[in-house]
């Protein structure tokens, strides 16, 4: 079902969706005319224009499956201010996107997230239980780890002294502020509990690069321990962005989605409503 580059360009259009805070989320719809739609979510301080998101959406488009990649609030072209942590709120951004397309009679076949986006799609699945397939690409299992690299080894002391930490890039340009509240948001997002809440009917794929220096590949093994219906794929030699392994990444994801599309025909429909919280999320 591969289409010409010209046709694909015409079928990509900007869609703006309002979240429940009144902020406009900007996204690109890769329209193939199919009722099935896959939603692609970016990672920390990233956007819909990063290579993994663009390539995954384009690969789905070639398969004849519509895809939507968008910017979370405070990122890319979306409204709102960037916030450290913010996992729950980004899951609610994803909820707004899902509901928007359901009102247009789309079938959300899968949600895909890279890095922090992997955590967000798992959090979404654990709360709403209304998507059959979830793809977690390089998500972090233990959110208590990985902060020193961005904030410095003494970040807790500085946060206690000043009430916040300002983060600058290598050129000395201010990037974002970490508050006690935003740090607490990250530390109280219990990914172990999230995994246990994902229903058996939801199939989850975790993909991770063996040479990931930002999130260790060992985290992927933890997801495999606790998610009921889980498939794990480690891509040898791949880094966090899959710089030299984009083809293998898209191939692994597409194979999983094809399996799910076939299995979905025999599955009972998941409820399209919230189920009550049973965790510390």
C-alpha atoms as a PDB file:
ATOM      1  CA  UNK A   1       0.000   0.000   0.000  1.00  0.00           C
ATOM      2  CA  UNK A   2       3.015   2.236  -0.496  1.00  0.00           C
ATOM      3  CA  UNK A   3       2.163   5.637  -1.990  1.00  0.00           C
ATOM      4  CA  UNK A   4       4.251   8.200  -3.857  1.00  0.00           C
ATOM      5  CA  UNK A   5       6.115  10.895  -1.929  1.00  0.00           C
ATOM      6  CA  UNK A   6       3.900  13.542  -3.499  1.00  0.00           C
ATOM      7  CA  UNK A   7       0.707  11.828  -2.380  1.00  0.00           C
ATOM      8  CA  UNK A   8       2.022  11.277   1.125  1.00  0.00           C
ATOM      9  CA  UNK A   9       2.974  14.948   1.432  1.00  0.00           C
ATOM     10  CA  UNK A  10      -0.528  16.035   0.433  1.00  0.00           C
ATOM     11  CA  UNK A  11      -2.035  13.667   2.992  1.00  0.00           C
ATOM     12  CA  UNK A  12      -0.026  15.039   5.915  1.00  0.00           C
ATOM     13  CA  UNK A  13      -1.916  17.847   7.600  1.00  0.00           C
ATOM     14  CA  UNK A  14      -1.700  19.813  10.817  1.00  0.00           C
ATOM     15  CA  UNK A  15      -4.341  19.084  13.464  1.00  0.00           C
ATOM     16  CA  UNK A  16      -4.766  21.166  16.623  1.00  0.00           C
ATOM     17  CA  UNK A  17      -6.459  19.568  19.650  1.00  0.00           C
ATOM     18  CA  UNK A  18      -7.333  21.281  22.911  1.00  0.00           C
ATOM     19  CA  UNK A  19      -6.410  19.521  26.154  1.00  0.00           C
ATOM     20  CA  UNK A  20      -8.439  19.743  29.361  1.00  0.00           C
ATOM     21  CA  UNK A  21      -6.397  22.781  30.473  1.00  0.00           C
ATOM     22  CA  UNK A  22      -7.435  24.793  27.435  1.00  0.00           C
ATOM     23  CA  UNK A  23      -4.003  24.467  25.793  1.00  0.00           C
ATOM     24  CA  UNK A  24      -3.776  23.770  22.081  1.00  0.00           C
ATOM     25  CA  UNK A  25      -1.754  20.680  21.175  1.00  0.00           C
ATOM     26  CA  UNK A  26      -0.170  20.736  17.725  1.00  0.00           C
ATOM     27  CA  UNK A  27       0.158  17.564  15.698  1.00  0.00           C
ATOM     28  CA  UNK A  28       0.661  16.128  12.219  1.00  0.00           C
ATOM     29  CA  UNK A  29      -1.847  13.622  10.878  1.00  0.00           C
ATOM     30  CA  UNK A  30      -0.469  11.147   8.335  1.00  0.00           C
ATOM     31  CA  UNK A  31      -3.758  10.453   6.586  1.00  0.00           C
ATOM     32  CA  UNK A  32      -4.092   7.272   4.546  1.00  0.00           C
ATOM     33  CA  UNK A  33      -7.872   7.054   4.562  1.00  0.00           C
ATOM     34  CA  UNK A  34      -7.827   4.098   6.944  1.00  0.00           C
ATOM     35  CA  UNK A  35     -10.110   4.039   9.961  1.00  0.00           C
ATOM     36  CA  UNK A  36      -7.242   2.665  12.030  1.00  0.00           C
ATOM     37  CA  UNK A  37      -5.028   5.246  13.687  1.00  0.00           C
ATOM     38  CA  UNK A  38      -1.773   4.913  15.633  1.00  0.00           C
ATOM     39  CA  UNK A  39      -0.719   7.764  17.946  1.00  0.00           C
ATOM     40  CA  UNK A  40       3.009   8.474  18.356  1.00  0.00           C
ATOM     41  CA  UNK A  41       4.354  10.280  21.456  1.00  0.00           C
ATOM     42  CA  UNK A  42       7.745  11.958  21.871  1.00  0.00           C
ATOM     43  CA  UNK A  43      10.085  11.937  24.861  1.00  0.00           C
ATOM     44  CA  UNK A  44      11.500  14.386  27.402  1.00  0.00           C
ATOM     45  CA  UNK A  45      12.055  17.937  26.121  1.00  0.00           C
ATOM     46  CA  UNK A  46      11.510  16.670  22.587  1.00  0.00           C
ATOM     47  CA  UNK A  47       8.895  17.085  19.868  1.00  0.00           C
ATOM     48  CA  UNK A  48       6.921  15.404  17.108  1.00  0.00           C
ATOM     49  CA  UNK A  49       9.709  16.370  14.678  1.00  0.00           C
ATOM     50  CA  UNK A  50      12.401  14.139  16.199  1.00  0.00           C
ATOM     51  CA  UNK A  51      13.599  11.362  13.910  1.00  0.00           C
ATOM     52  CA  UNK A  52      12.063   8.330  15.692  1.00  0.00           C
ATOM     53  CA  UNK A  53       8.577   9.924  15.698  1.00  0.00           C
ATOM     54  CA  UNK A  54       8.773  11.075  12.060  1.00  0.00           C
ATOM     55  CA  UNK A  55      10.121   7.734  10.826  1.00  0.00           C
ATOM     56  CA  UNK A  56       7.583   5.636  12.730  1.00  0.00           C
ATOM     57  CA  UNK A  57       4.677   7.720  11.430  1.00  0.00           C
ATOM     58  CA  UNK A  58       6.038   7.552   7.869  1.00  0.00           C
ATOM     59  CA  UNK A  59       6.487   3.769   8.118  1.00  0.00           C
ATOM     60  CA  UNK A  60       2.899   3.355   9.304  1.00  0.00           C
ATOM     61  CA  UNK A  61       1.739   5.588   6.455  1.00  0.00           C
ATOM     62  CA  UNK A  62       3.502   3.313   3.946  1.00  0.00           C
ATOM     63  CA  UNK A  63       1.596   0.393   5.447  1.00  0.00           C
ATOM     64  CA  UNK A  64      -1.666   2.201   4.762  1.00  0.00           C
ATOM     65  CA  UNK A  65      -2.258   2.949   8.458  1.00  0.00           C
ATOM     66  CA  UNK A  66      -2.968   6.519   9.507  1.00  0.00           C
ATOM     67  CA  UNK A  67      -0.681   7.945  12.196  1.00  0.00           C
ATOM     68  CA  UNK A  68      -0.724  11.042  14.380  1.00  0.00           C
ATOM     69  CA  UNK A  69       2.374  12.508  16.021  1.00  0.00           C
ATOM     70  CA  UNK A  70       1.937  15.479  18.310  1.00  0.00           C
ATOM     71  CA  UNK A  71       3.671  17.750  20.808  1.00  0.00           C
ATOM     72  CA  UNK A  72       2.779  17.506  24.486  1.00  0.00           C
ATOM     73  CA  UNK A  73       1.857  20.818  26.152  1.00  0.00           C
ATOM     74  CA  UNK A  74       4.933  23.000  26.689  1.00  0.00           C
ATOM     75  CA  UNK A  75       6.873  21.179  23.958  1.00  0.00           C
ATOM     76  CA  UNK A  76       7.409  21.854  20.261  1.00  0.00           C
ATOM     77  CA  UNK A  77       4.598  23.904  18.737  1.00  0.00           C
ATOM     78  CA  UNK A  78       2.020  23.190  21.442  1.00  0.00           C
ATOM     79  CA  UNK A  79       0.830  25.791  23.920  1.00  0.00           C
ATOM     80  CA  UNK A  80       1.710  25.717  27.616  1.00  0.00           C
ATOM     81  CA  UNK A  81       4.941  25.948  29.603  1.00  0.00           C
ATOM     82  CA  UNK A  82       7.448  23.118  29.811  1.00  0.00           C
ATOM     83  CA  UNK A  83       7.366  21.268  33.133  1.00  0.00           C
ATOM     84  CA  UNK A  84       9.808  18.739  34.573  1.00  0.00           C
ATOM     85  CA  UNK A  85       8.061  15.525  35.579  1.00  0.00           C
ATOM     86  CA  UNK A  86       4.505  16.009  34.296  1.00  0.00           C
ATOM     87  CA  UNK A  87       3.884  12.323  33.510  1.00  0.00           C
ATOM     88  CA  UNK A  88       0.242  12.311  34.580  1.00  0.00           C
ATOM     89  CA  UNK A  89      -0.539  15.551  32.758  1.00  0.00           C
ATOM     90  CA  UNK A  90       1.030  14.255  29.549  1.00  0.00           C
ATOM     91  CA  UNK A  91      -1.075  11.094  29.870  1.00  0.00           C
ATOM     92  CA  UNK A  92      -4.087  13.417  29.975  1.00  0.00           C
ATOM     93  CA  UNK A  93      -2.826  15.192  26.834  1.00  0.00           C
ATOM     94  CA  UNK A  94      -2.786  11.779  25.172  1.00  0.00           C
ATOM     95  CA  UNK A  95      -6.313  11.193  26.473  1.00  0.00           C
ATOM     96  CA  UNK A  96      -7.487  14.417  24.791  1.00  0.00           C
ATOM     97  CA  UNK A  97      -5.947  13.249  21.506  1.00  0.00           C
ATOM     98  CA  UNK A  98      -7.553   9.789  21.745  1.00  0.00           C
ATOM     99  CA  UNK A  99     -10.979  11.273  22.496  1.00  0.00           C
ATOM    100  CA  UNK A 100     -10.673  13.763  19.641  1.00  0.00           C
ATOM    101  CA  UNK A 101     -10.107  11.051  17.062  1.00  0.00           C
ATOM    102  CA  UNK A 102     -12.711   8.747  18.559  1.00  0.00           C
ATOM    103  CA  UNK A 103     -15.259  11.493  18.051  1.00  0.00           C
ATOM    104  CA  UNK A 104     -14.246  11.315  14.382  1.00  0.00           C
ATOM    105  CA  UNK A 105     -15.028   7.565  14.433  1.00  0.00           C
ATOM    106  CA  UNK A 106     -11.396   6.498  14.300  1.00  0.00           C
ATOM    107  CA  UNK A 107     -10.219   3.223  15.802  1.00  0.00           C
ATOM    108  CA  UNK A 108      -7.122   3.794  17.947  1.00  0.00           C
ATOM    109  CA  UNK A 109      -5.138   0.682  17.096  1.00  0.00           C
ATOM    110  CA  UNK A 110      -2.065   1.489  19.169  1.00  0.00           C
ATOM    111  CA  UNK A 111      -0.202   4.157  21.114  1.00  0.00           C
ATOM    112  CA  UNK A 112       3.573   4.411  20.765  1.00  0.00           C
ATOM    113  CA  UNK A 113       5.924   6.366  23.007  1.00  0.00           C
ATOM    114  CA  UNK A 114       9.669   7.001  22.895  1.00  0.00           C
ATOM    115  CA  UNK A 115      11.723   7.526  26.082  1.00  0.00           C
ATOM    116  CA  UNK A 116       9.541   9.503  28.526  1.00  0.00           C
ATOM    117  CA  UNK A 117       6.738   9.011  26.009  1.00  0.00           C
ATOM    118  CA  UNK A 118       7.093   5.273  26.652  1.00  0.00           C
ATOM    119  CA  UNK A 119       6.258   5.876  30.303  1.00  0.00           C
ATOM    120  CA  UNK A 120       3.346   8.102  29.309  1.00  0.00           C
ATOM    121  CA  UNK A 121       1.703   5.508  27.026  1.00  0.00           C
ATOM    122  CA  UNK A 122       2.048   2.864  29.755  1.00  0.00           C
ATOM    123  CA  UNK A 123       0.534   5.255  32.292  1.00  0.00           C
ATOM    124  CA  UNK A 124      -2.316   5.923  29.870  1.00  0.00           C
ATOM    125  CA  UNK A 125      -2.942   2.202  29.348  1.00  0.00           C
ATOM    126  CA  UNK A 126      -2.960   1.532  33.086  1.00  0.00           C
ATOM    127  CA  UNK A 127      -5.550   4.235  33.706  1.00  0.00           C
ATOM    128  CA  UNK A 128      -7.925   4.003  30.752  1.00  0.00           C
ATOM    129  CA  UNK A 129      -7.658   0.381  29.589  1.00  0.00           C
ATOM    130  CA  UNK A 130      -9.062   1.196  26.142  1.00  0.00           C
ATOM    131  CA  UNK A 131      -6.226   0.449  23.698  1.00  0.00           C
ATOM    132  CA  UNK A 132      -5.239  -3.073  22.645  1.00  0.00           C
ATOM    133  CA  UNK A 133      -1.588  -2.360  21.770  1.00  0.00           C
ATOM    134  CA  UNK A 134       1.074  -0.225  23.458  1.00  0.00           C
ATOM    135  CA  UNK A 135       4.674   0.244  22.329  1.00  0.00           C
ATOM    136  CA  UNK A 136       7.205   1.421  24.904  1.00  0.00           C
ATOM    137  CA  UNK A 137      10.437   2.469  23.204  1.00  0.00           C
ATOM    138  CA  UNK A 138      13.322   3.044  25.640  1.00  0.00           C
ATOM    139  CA  UNK A 139      11.139   4.014  28.604  1.00  0.00           C
ATOM    140  CA  UNK A 140      12.666   4.255  32.083  1.00  0.00           C
ATOM    141  CA  UNK A 141      11.416   1.806  34.730  1.00  0.00           C
ATOM    142  CA  UNK A 142      12.866   3.430  37.841  1.00  0.00           C
ATOM    143  CA  UNK A 143      12.146   7.156  37.756  1.00  0.00           C
ATOM    144  CA  UNK A 144      14.294   7.742  40.843  1.00  0.00           C
ATOM    145  CA  UNK A 145      17.308   7.182  38.592  1.00  0.00           C
ATOM    146  CA  UNK A 146      18.676   9.294  35.767  1.00  0.00           C
ATOM    147  CA  UNK A 147      18.250  12.700  37.383  1.00  0.00           C
ATOM    148  CA  UNK A 148      21.865  13.430  38.316  1.00  0.00           C
ATOM    149  CA  UNK A 149      22.879  13.489  34.660  1.00  0.00           C
ATOM    150  CA  UNK A 150      20.527  16.395  33.973  1.00  0.00           C
ATOM    151  CA  UNK A 151      20.434  18.188  37.342  1.00  0.00           C
ATOM    152  CA  UNK A 152      23.886  17.526  38.851  1.00  0.00           C
ATOM    153  CA  UNK A 153      24.934  15.310  41.765  1.00  0.00           C
ATOM    154  CA  UNK A 154      23.994  17.869  44.423  1.00  0.00           C
ATOM    155  CA  UNK A 155      20.549  18.626  42.988  1.00  0.00           C
ATOM    156  CA  UNK A 156      18.626  17.666  46.129  1.00  0.00           C
ATOM    157  CA  UNK A 157      20.740  19.995  48.288  1.00  0.00           C
ATOM    158  CA  UNK A 158      20.344  22.908  45.842  1.00  0.00           C
ATOM    159  CA  UNK A 159      16.620  22.269  45.564  1.00  0.00           C
ATOM    160  CA  UNK A 160      16.289  22.349  49.348  1.00  0.00           C
ATOM    161  CA  UNK A 161      18.340  25.562  49.610  1.00  0.00           C
ATOM    162  CA  UNK A 162      16.629  27.541  46.846  1.00  0.00           C
ATOM    163  CA  UNK A 163      13.283  25.802  46.320  1.00  0.00           C
ATOM    164  CA  UNK A 164      14.083  25.250  42.638  1.00  0.00           C
ATOM    165  CA  UNK A 165      16.862  24.365  40.195  1.00  0.00           C
ATOM    166  CA  UNK A 166      17.413  26.189  36.918  1.00  0.00           C
ATOM    167  CA  UNK A 167      18.799  23.958  34.184  1.00  0.00           C
ATOM    168  CA  UNK A 168      21.054  25.402  31.473  1.00  0.00           C
ATOM    169  CA  UNK A 169      22.371  23.799  28.308  1.00  0.00           C
ATOM    170  CA  UNK A 170      26.046  23.447  27.399  1.00  0.00           C
ATOM    171  CA  UNK A 171      26.051  26.939  25.894  1.00  0.00           C
ATOM    172  CA  UNK A 172      24.782  28.427  29.147  1.00  0.00           C
ATOM    173  CA  UNK A 173      21.273  29.087  27.849  1.00  0.00           C
ATOM    174  CA  UNK A 174      18.403  28.620  30.315  1.00  0.00           C
ATOM    175  CA  UNK A 175      16.227  25.627  29.417  1.00  0.00           C
ATOM    176  CA  UNK A 176      13.762  24.959  32.248  1.00  0.00           C
ATOM    177  CA  UNK A 177      13.161  25.202  35.988  1.00  0.00           C
ATOM    178  CA  UNK A 178      12.736  22.207  38.289  1.00  0.00           C
ATOM    179  CA  UNK A 179      10.548  22.891  41.316  1.00  0.00           C
ATOM    180  CA  UNK A 180       9.954  20.721  44.365  1.00  0.00           C
ATOM    181  CA  UNK A 181       6.452  20.034  43.065  1.00  0.00           C
ATOM    182  CA  UNK A 182       7.660  18.901  39.633  1.00  0.00           C
ATOM    183  CA  UNK A 183      10.349  16.689  41.165  1.00  0.00           C
ATOM    184  CA  UNK A 184       7.732  15.158  43.458  1.00  0.00           C
ATOM    185  CA  UNK A 185       5.560  14.447  40.413  1.00  0.00           C
ATOM    186  CA  UNK A 186       8.335  12.359  38.924  1.00  0.00           C
ATOM    187  CA  UNK A 187       9.239  10.566  42.141  1.00  0.00           C
ATOM    188  CA  UNK A 188       5.639   9.649  42.960  1.00  0.00           C
ATOM    189  CA  UNK A 189       4.923   8.230  39.499  1.00  0.00           C
ATOM    190  CA  UNK A 190       5.184   4.537  40.357  1.00  0.00           C
ATOM    191  CA  UNK A 191       6.001   2.664  37.136  1.00  0.00           C
ATOM    192  CA  UNK A 192       5.934  -0.696  38.918  1.00  0.00           C
ATOM    193  CA  UNK A 193       2.314  -0.031  39.946  1.00  0.00           C
ATOM    194  CA  UNK A 194       1.553   1.207  36.423  1.00  0.00           C
ATOM    195  CA  UNK A 195       2.744  -2.102  34.953  1.00  0.00           C
ATOM    196  CA  UNK A 196       0.625  -4.166  37.337  1.00  0.00           C
ATOM    197  CA  UNK A 197      -2.525  -2.209  36.387  1.00  0.00           C
ATOM    198  CA  UNK A 198      -2.231  -2.901  32.653  1.00  0.00           C
ATOM    199  CA  UNK A 199      -4.854  -5.479  31.709  1.00  0.00           C
ATOM    200  CA  UNK A 200      -4.100  -8.876  30.150  1.00  0.00           C
ATOM    201  CA  UNK A 201      -6.059  -7.890  27.015  1.00  0.00           C
ATOM    202  CA  UNK A 202      -3.557  -5.118  26.282  1.00  0.00           C
ATOM    203  CA  UNK A 203      -0.466  -6.324  24.423  1.00  0.00           C
ATOM    204  CA  UNK A 204       2.708  -4.370  25.232  1.00  0.00           C
ATOM    205  CA  UNK A 205       5.958  -4.283  23.280  1.00  0.00           C
ATOM    206  CA  UNK A 206       9.100  -2.879  24.901  1.00  0.00           C
ATOM    207  CA  UNK A 207      11.979  -2.038  22.554  1.00  0.00           C
ATOM    208  CA  UNK A 208      15.352  -0.937  23.893  1.00  0.00           C
ATOM    209  CA  UNK A 209      18.835  -0.370  22.541  1.00  0.00           C
ATOM    210  CA  UNK A 210      21.654  -2.375  24.091  1.00  0.00           C
ATOM    211  CA  UNK A 211      23.970   0.667  23.919  1.00  0.00           C
ATOM    212  CA  UNK A 212      21.524   3.185  25.415  1.00  0.00           C
ATOM    213  CA  UNK A 213      23.574   5.532  27.634  1.00  0.00           C
ATOM    214  CA  UNK A 214      20.586   7.547  28.897  1.00  0.00           C
ATOM    215  CA  UNK A 215      18.302   4.728  30.029  1.00  0.00           C
ATOM    216  CA  UNK A 216      20.047   1.402  30.698  1.00  0.00           C
ATOM    217  CA  UNK A 217      18.777  -1.629  28.797  1.00  0.00           C
ATOM    218  CA  UNK A 218      18.304  -3.366  32.165  1.00  0.00           C
ATOM    219  CA  UNK A 219      15.172  -1.220  32.616  1.00  0.00           C
ATOM    220  CA  UNK A 220      13.551  -3.053  29.713  1.00  0.00           C
ATOM    221  CA  UNK A 221      13.941  -6.337  31.607  1.00  0.00           C
ATOM    222  CA  UNK A 222      11.980  -4.870  34.520  1.00  0.00           C
ATOM    223  CA  UNK A 223       9.009  -4.050  32.300  1.00  0.00           C
ATOM    224  CA  UNK A 224       9.057  -7.655  31.110  1.00  0.00           C
ATOM    225  CA  UNK A 225       8.758  -8.902  34.692  1.00  0.00           C
ATOM    226  CA  UNK A 226       5.588  -7.036  35.623  1.00  0.00           C
ATOM    227  CA  UNK A 227       3.456  -6.342  32.522  1.00  0.00           C
ATOM    228  CA  UNK A 228       1.030  -9.266  32.057  1.00  0.00           C
ATOM    229  CA  UNK A 229       0.997  -9.512  28.238  1.00  0.00           C
ATOM    230  CA  UNK A 230       4.465  -8.348  27.258  1.00  0.00           C
ATOM    231  CA  UNK A 231       6.967  -8.794  24.452  1.00  0.00           C
ATOM    232  CA  UNK A 232      10.587  -7.623  24.738  1.00  0.00           C
ATOM    233  CA  UNK A 233      12.995  -6.802  21.923  1.00  0.00           C
ATOM    234  CA  UNK A 234      16.557  -5.567  22.508  1.00  0.00           C
ATOM    235  CA  UNK A 235      18.215  -4.026  19.458  1.00  0.00           C
ATOM    236  CA  UNK A 236      21.927  -4.768  19.609  1.00  0.00           C
ATOM    237  CA  UNK A 237      24.173  -1.734  19.265  1.00  0.00           C
ATOM    238  CA  UNK A 238      21.336   0.797  19.260  1.00  0.00           C
ATOM    239  CA  UNK A 239      21.594   4.012  21.284  1.00  0.00           C
ATOM    240  CA  UNK A 240      18.738   5.948  22.894  1.00  0.00           C
ATOM    241  CA  UNK A 241      17.739   7.683  19.645  1.00  0.00           C
ATOM    242  CA  UNK A 242      18.372   4.587  17.455  1.00  0.00           C
ATOM    243  CA  UNK A 243      20.599   6.809  15.331  1.00  0.00           C
ATOM    244  CA  UNK A 244      21.988   3.975  13.185  1.00  0.00           C
ATOM    245  CA  UNK A 245      19.100   1.567  13.754  1.00  0.00           C
ATOM    246  CA  UNK A 246      16.004   3.403  12.522  1.00  0.00           C
ATOM    247  CA  UNK A 247      15.193   0.689   9.995  1.00  0.00           C
ATOM    248  CA  UNK A 248      15.354  -2.081  12.571  1.00  0.00           C
ATOM    249  CA  UNK A 249      13.280  -0.077  15.048  1.00  0.00           C
ATOM    250  CA  UNK A 250      10.460   0.548  12.570  1.00  0.00           C
ATOM    251  CA  UNK A 251      10.571  -3.087  11.416  1.00  0.00           C
ATOM    252  CA  UNK A 252      10.218  -4.425  14.972  1.00  0.00           C
ATOM    253  CA  UNK A 253       7.348  -2.054  15.754  1.00  0.00           C
ATOM    254  CA  UNK A 254       5.500  -2.785  12.503  1.00  0.00           C
ATOM    255  CA  UNK A 255       5.820  -6.553  12.993  1.00  0.00           C
ATOM    256  CA  UNK A 256       4.295  -6.221  16.456  1.00  0.00           C
ATOM    257  CA  UNK A 257       1.436  -4.062  15.181  1.00  0.00           C
ATOM    258  CA  UNK A 258       0.685  -6.486  12.346  1.00  0.00           C
ATOM    259  CA  UNK A 259       0.436  -9.295  14.897  1.00  0.00           C
ATOM    260  CA  UNK A 260      -1.883  -7.173  16.997  1.00  0.00           C
ATOM    261  CA  UNK A 261      -4.135  -6.209  14.078  1.00  0.00           C
ATOM    262  CA  UNK A 262      -4.604  -9.906  13.350  1.00  0.00           C
ATOM    263  CA  UNK A 263      -5.132 -10.876  16.990  1.00  0.00           C
ATOM    264  CA  UNK A 264      -7.497  -7.961  17.568  1.00  0.00           C
ATOM    265  CA  UNK A 265     -10.110  -9.524  15.318  1.00  0.00           C
ATOM    266  CA  UNK A 266     -10.584 -12.312  17.855  1.00  0.00           C
ATOM    267  CA  UNK A 267     -10.399 -10.128  20.989  1.00  0.00           C
ATOM    268  CA  UNK A 268     -13.328  -8.782  22.996  1.00  0.00           C
ATOM    269  CA  UNK A 269     -13.623  -4.993  22.858  1.00  0.00           C
ATOM    270  CA  UNK A 270     -12.041  -3.125  25.758  1.00  0.00           C
ATOM    271  CA  UNK A 271     -14.283  -0.734  27.685  1.00  0.00           C
ATOM    272  CA  UNK A 272     -14.040   2.907  26.611  1.00  0.00           C
ATOM    273  CA  UNK A 273     -14.290   4.366  30.102  1.00  0.00           C
ATOM    274  CA  UNK A 274     -12.024   4.992  33.052  1.00  0.00           C
ATOM    275  CA  UNK A 275     -11.520   2.307  35.654  1.00  0.00           C
ATOM    276  CA  UNK A 276     -10.937   3.368  39.272  1.00  0.00           C
ATOM    277  CA  UNK A 277      -7.404   3.940  40.510  1.00  0.00           C
ATOM    278  CA  UNK A 278      -5.906   1.230  42.663  1.00  0.00           C
ATOM    279  CA  UNK A 279      -2.394   2.613  42.960  1.00  0.00           C
ATOM    280  CA  UNK A 280      -0.307   5.507  44.201  1.00  0.00           C
ATOM    281  CA  UNK A 281      -0.159   7.150  40.768  1.00  0.00           C
END
